[in-house]
Amino acid sequence: MNVLLEKYRKKAVEEGMEKGLEKGLAQGMQQGLEKGLEEGQNRLALLVGRLLDAGRVDDLKRVSYDEVYREKLLKEFGL
């Protein structure tokens, strides 16, 4: 009887650990996505501010739709 109970207990522990790991991974991925979005928004806000300070309105318009140019300017400004 004890062997059977130990077998079920072990299986329950393994299943619990597996579910906990899955939940932890999902939460970690969500937190990573949220942090990445926040960092991207902050970089873009800094770029917008620097372009405005430099009077580069045409560049500011272009970064709103041209991703390659946006990345170029982010590098130019060290962001």
Protein backbone atom coordinates (compact mmCIF):
# COMPACT_ATOMS: atom_id res chain seq x y z
CA MET A 1 0.00 0.00 0.00
CA ASN A 2 2.80 2.42 0.88
CA VAL A 3 4.53 1.73 -2.45
CA LEU A 4 1.34 2.64 -4.32
CA LEU A 5 0.84 5.83 -2.31
CA GLU A 6 4.48 6.82 -2.86
CA LYS A 7 4.08 6.25 -6.60
CA TYR A 8 1.00 8.54 -6.75
CA ARG A 9 2.67 11.15 -4.56
CA LYS A 10 5.73 11.19 -6.78
CA LYS A 11 3.60 11.53 -9.90
CA ALA A 12 1.60 14.37 -8.32
CA VAL A 13 4.80 16.20 -7.36
CA GLU A 14 6.18 15.84 -10.89
CA GLU A 15 2.94 17.11 -12.43
CA GLY A 16 2.86 20.02 -9.99
CA MET A 17 6.43 20.96 -10.81
CA GLU A 18 5.72 20.75 -14.54
CA LYS A 19 2.66 22.98 -14.26
CA GLY A 20 4.57 25.41 -12.05
CA LEU A 21 7.40 25.59 -14.56
CA GLU A 22 4.98 26.21 -17.44
CA LYS A 23 3.26 28.98 -15.48
CA GLY A 24 6.59 30.53 -14.51
CA LEU A 25 7.81 30.50 -18.09
CA ALA A 26 4.60 32.11 -19.32
CA GLN A 27 4.84 34.83 -16.68
CA GLY A 28 8.50 35.42 -17.49
CA MET A 29 7.77 35.74 -21.19
CA GLN A 30 4.97 38.22 -20.49
CA GLN A 31 7.19 40.31 -18.24
CA GLY A 32 9.95 40.25 -20.85
CA LEU A 33 7.57 41.44 -23.56
CA GLU A 34 6.26 44.23 -21.36
CA LYS A 35 9.78 45.36 -20.48
CA GLY A 36 10.85 45.23 -24.13
CA LEU A 37 7.89 47.34 -25.20
CA GLU A 38 8.59 49.87 -22.47
CA GLU A 39 12.25 50.12 -23.45
CA GLY A 40 11.31 50.55 -27.11
CA GLN A 41 8.87 53.31 -26.27
CA ASN A 42 11.49 55.06 -24.15
CA ARG A 43 14.06 54.89 -26.97
CA LEU A 44 11.56 56.31 -29.44
CA ALA A 45 10.58 59.11 -27.05
CA LEU A 46 14.25 60.03 -26.60
CA LEU A 47 14.76 60.03 -30.36
CA VAL A 48 11.72 62.26 -30.88
CA GLY A 49 13.02 64.71 -28.28
CA ARG A 50 16.49 64.84 -29.79
CA LEU A 51 15.14 65.34 -33.30
CA LEU A 52 12.90 68.16 -32.07
CA ASP A 53 15.79 69.79 -30.21
CA ALA A 54 17.86 69.61 -33.39
CA GLY A 55 15.02 71.07 -35.49
CA ARG A 56 14.96 67.96 -37.68
CA VAL A 57 11.21 67.91 -38.30
CA ASP A 58 11.49 66.13 -41.66
CA ASP A 59 13.48 63.34 -40.02
CA LEU A 60 10.90 63.19 -37.25
CA LYS A 61 8.13 62.64 -39.80
CA ARG A 62 10.13 59.97 -41.60
CA VAL A 63 10.89 57.89 -38.49
CA SER A 64 7.15 57.54 -37.94
CA TYR A 65 6.86 55.24 -40.97
CA ASP A 66 10.37 54.21 -42.08
CA GLU A 67 11.69 51.54 -39.70
CA VAL A 68 15.11 51.26 -41.37
CA TYR A 69 15.64 55.03 -41.16
CA ARG A 70 14.42 55.01 -37.55
CA GLU A 71 17.05 52.42 -36.62
CA LYS A 72 19.70 54.48 -38.43
CA LEU A 73 18.82 57.56 -36.39
CA LEU A 74 18.65 55.60 -33.14
CA LYS A 75 22.24 54.53 -33.81
CA GLU A 76 23.22 58.06 -34.85
CA PHE A 77 22.00 59.40 -31.50
CA GLY A 78 23.42 56.48 -29.54
CA LEU A 79 20.05 55.21 -28.46
